[in-house]
Amino acid sequence: MKIYFELNGEPVYTEIKPGEMLLDLLRRLGMKSVKEGCRTGGCGACTVLLDGKPIRSCLTFAAKAKGHRITTLEGLGTPEDPHPLQEAFLEAGAVQCGFCTPGMILVAYHLLSHNPDPSPDEVRAAISGNLCRCTGYVKIVDAVLTAARWKREGKWRKER
């Protein structure tokens, strides 16, 4: 079956296999930030945004993307032009192995798009479905709060 959707702001028209999961489609399309962790939706490594809302791509059929907007970490920033959330994660030391980072950043992006001044508890609640085995979450919460402050102070660059 052929589907059309928007991936990181670009139109995509591609063939999908029956029963193909969105995770597999995105990896096939070169989205390296979308990680396969558990395949049960429990770890959050495969988190992407579907029309701006976080979803688990390992639990979502690729056909669900038809006519929708999918955003991966590649759609937020690049190494040459990082998104403020990416910069905040680096500044706070919230990145160790990096496996969970894309999902964490996308969940944080969704949170900050709806709540520009979250409390630490609200950040912890937002990222609670994304597991990190390296950082202990303190630096991740610090990074999200730093990015929120930057956004409120007008240091957040315009969205792509």
Protein backbone atom coordinates (compact mmCIF):
# COMPACT_ATOMS: atom_id res chain seq x y z
CA MET A 1 0.00 0.00 0.00
CA LYS A 2 1.26 3.49 -0.79
CA ILE A 3 0.82 6.29 1.72
CA TYR A 4 1.52 10.00 1.79
CA PHE A 5 2.53 11.85 4.95
CA GLU A 6 4.75 14.68 6.10
CA LEU A 7 8.03 13.71 7.75
CA ASN A 8 9.92 16.52 9.47
CA GLY A 9 8.27 19.07 7.22
CA GLU A 10 8.92 17.21 3.97
CA PRO A 11 6.35 15.29 1.91
CA VAL A 12 6.84 11.52 1.78
CA TYR A 13 5.10 9.16 -0.60
CA THR A 14 6.16 5.60 0.07
CA GLU A 15 5.17 1.98 -0.06
CA ILE A 16 4.44 0.23 3.24
CA LYS A 17 4.12 -3.45 3.98
CA PRO A 18 0.98 -4.95 5.52
CA GLY A 19 1.33 -4.75 9.29
CA GLU A 20 4.51 -2.65 9.13
CA MET A 21 5.11 -0.63 12.26
CA LEU A 22 5.88 3.08 12.08
CA LEU A 23 9.20 2.47 13.86
CA ASP A 24 10.34 0.19 11.05
CA LEU A 25 9.15 2.57 8.33
CA LEU A 26 10.94 5.53 9.89
CA ARG A 27 14.17 3.55 10.29
CA ARG A 28 13.85 2.42 6.67
CA LEU A 29 13.48 6.09 5.69
CA GLY A 30 16.75 6.89 7.47
CA MET A 31 15.50 8.32 10.76
CA LYS A 32 18.28 7.12 13.03
CA SER A 33 16.96 8.96 16.11
CA VAL A 34 13.98 6.62 16.35
CA LYS A 35 15.28 3.75 18.47
CA GLU A 36 14.02 0.24 18.99
CA GLY A 37 14.11 -0.45 22.69
CA CYS A 38 11.47 -2.85 23.93
CA ARG A 39 8.89 -3.18 21.12
CA THR A 40 6.19 -3.10 23.81
CA GLY A 41 5.83 0.68 24.29
CA GLY A 42 7.35 0.59 27.75
CA CYS A 43 10.67 2.39 27.25
CA GLY A 44 9.87 5.41 25.07
CA ALA A 45 12.98 5.10 22.89
CA CYS A 46 10.79 5.00 19.78
CA THR A 47 8.81 8.15 20.64
CA VAL A 48 7.92 10.43 17.73
CA LEU A 49 5.36 13.21 17.36
CA LEU A 50 2.19 12.50 15.37
CA ASP A 51 0.57 15.85 14.60
CA GLY A 52 2.53 17.25 17.54
CA LYS A 53 1.59 14.57 20.09
CA PRO A 54 4.04 11.96 21.41
CA ILE A 55 3.33 8.38 20.35
CA ARG A 56 5.20 5.09 20.54
CA SER A 57 6.19 4.24 16.98
CA CYS A 58 6.81 0.60 17.94
CA LEU A 59 3.09 0.22 18.73
CA THR A 60 1.74 2.30 15.83
CA PHE A 61 1.06 0.85 12.41
CA ALA A 62 2.79 2.73 9.60
CA ALA A 63 -0.59 3.15 7.91
CA LYS A 64 -1.59 5.46 10.80
CA ALA A 65 0.85 8.07 9.40
CA LYS A 66 -1.22 8.44 6.22
CA GLY A 67 -2.15 12.09 5.81
CA HIS A 68 -0.50 13.11 9.08
CA ARG A 69 2.57 15.01 10.22
CA ILE A 70 5.37 12.98 11.81
CA THR A 71 8.25 14.67 13.61
CA THR A 72 11.42 12.92 14.73
CA LEU A 73 14.43 14.47 16.43
CA GLU A 74 15.89 15.07 12.98
CA GLY A 75 12.99 17.47 12.40
CA LEU A 76 13.81 19.62 15.44
CA GLY A 77 17.48 20.31 14.93
CA THR A 78 20.75 19.28 13.37
CA PRO A 79 24.30 19.10 14.71
CA GLU A 80 24.99 22.35 12.86
CA ASP A 81 21.75 24.03 14.00
CA PRO A 82 20.56 22.34 17.20
CA HIS A 83 17.18 23.00 18.72
CA PRO A 84 17.31 24.80 22.11
CA LEU A 85 16.18 21.59 23.82
CA GLN A 86 19.16 19.78 22.32
CA GLU A 87 21.45 22.58 23.50
CA ALA A 88 19.92 22.47 26.98
CA PHE A 89 20.44 18.69 27.19
CA LEU A 90 24.10 19.15 26.30
CA GLU A 91 24.59 22.08 28.67
CA ALA A 92 22.99 20.21 31.59
CA GLY A 93 24.95 17.01 30.92
CA ALA A 94 21.68 15.15 30.36
CA VAL A 95 23.10 13.05 27.52
CA GLN A 96 25.16 10.00 28.29
CA CYS A 97 24.66 7.05 25.96
CA GLY A 98 22.04 9.01 23.99
CA PHE A 99 19.69 6.10 23.40
CA CYS A 100 16.75 7.63 25.29
CA THR A 101 17.56 11.25 24.41
CA PRO A 102 15.51 11.63 21.19
CA GLY A 103 12.34 10.40 22.88
CA MET A 104 12.99 12.53 25.96
CA ILE A 105 13.51 15.64 23.85
CA LEU A 106 10.34 15.04 21.82
CA VAL A 107 8.26 14.53 24.98
CA ALA A 108 9.82 17.68 26.47
CA TYR A 109 9.08 19.57 23.26
CA HIS A 110 5.42 18.58 23.52
CA LEU A 111 5.32 19.60 27.18
CA LEU A 112 6.87 23.01 26.53
CA SER A 113 4.60 23.66 23.57
CA HIS A 114 1.66 23.45 25.99
CA ASN A 115 3.27 24.59 29.24
CA PRO A 116 6.10 27.13 28.94
CA ASP A 117 6.70 27.19 32.71
CA PRO A 118 6.48 23.62 34.02
CA SER A 119 7.37 22.70 37.58
CA PRO A 120 9.97 19.98 38.17
CA ASP A 121 7.12 17.62 39.07
CA GLU A 122 5.35 18.40 35.77
CA VAL A 123 8.56 17.67 33.85
CA ARG A 124 9.01 14.38 35.74
CA ALA A 125 5.39 13.44 34.95
CA ALA A 126 5.86 14.28 31.26
CA ILE A 127 9.00 12.15 30.90
CA SER A 128 7.77 9.34 33.14
CA GLY A 129 7.05 7.07 30.18
CA ASN A 130 10.60 7.40 28.85
CA LEU A 131 13.20 5.24 30.54
CA CYS A 132 16.83 6.24 30.99
CA ARG A 133 19.34 3.79 32.37
CA CYS A 134 22.28 6.22 32.51
CA THR A 135 21.47 9.65 33.94
CA GLY A 136 19.10 9.19 36.87
CA TYR A 137 16.73 11.83 35.41
CA VAL A 138 17.97 14.79 37.52
CA LYS A 139 19.99 16.27 34.66
CA ILE A 140 17.17 15.59 32.19
CA VAL A 141 14.72 17.53 34.37
CA ASP A 142 17.31 20.32 34.70
CA ALA A 143 17.71 20.43 30.90
CA VAL A 144 13.97 20.74 30.30
CA LEU A 145 13.66 23.48 32.92
CA THR A 146 16.61 25.32 31.34
CA ALA A 147 15.00 25.12 27.90
CA ALA A 148 11.71 26.35 29.38
CA ARG A 149 13.48 29.34 30.90
CA TRP A 150 15.18 30.09 27.57
CA LYS A 151 11.80 29.92 25.84
CA ARG A 152 10.21 32.33 28.34
CA GLU A 153 13.20 34.69 28.01
CA GLY A 154 12.85 34.76 24.22
CA LYS A 155 16.10 32.85 23.59
CA TRP A 156 14.21 30.08 21.80
CA ARG A 157 14.76 30.44 18.07
CA LYS A 158 11.87 30.28 15.67
CA GLU A 159 10.59 26.84 14.85
CA ARG A 160 11.49 25.26 11.55
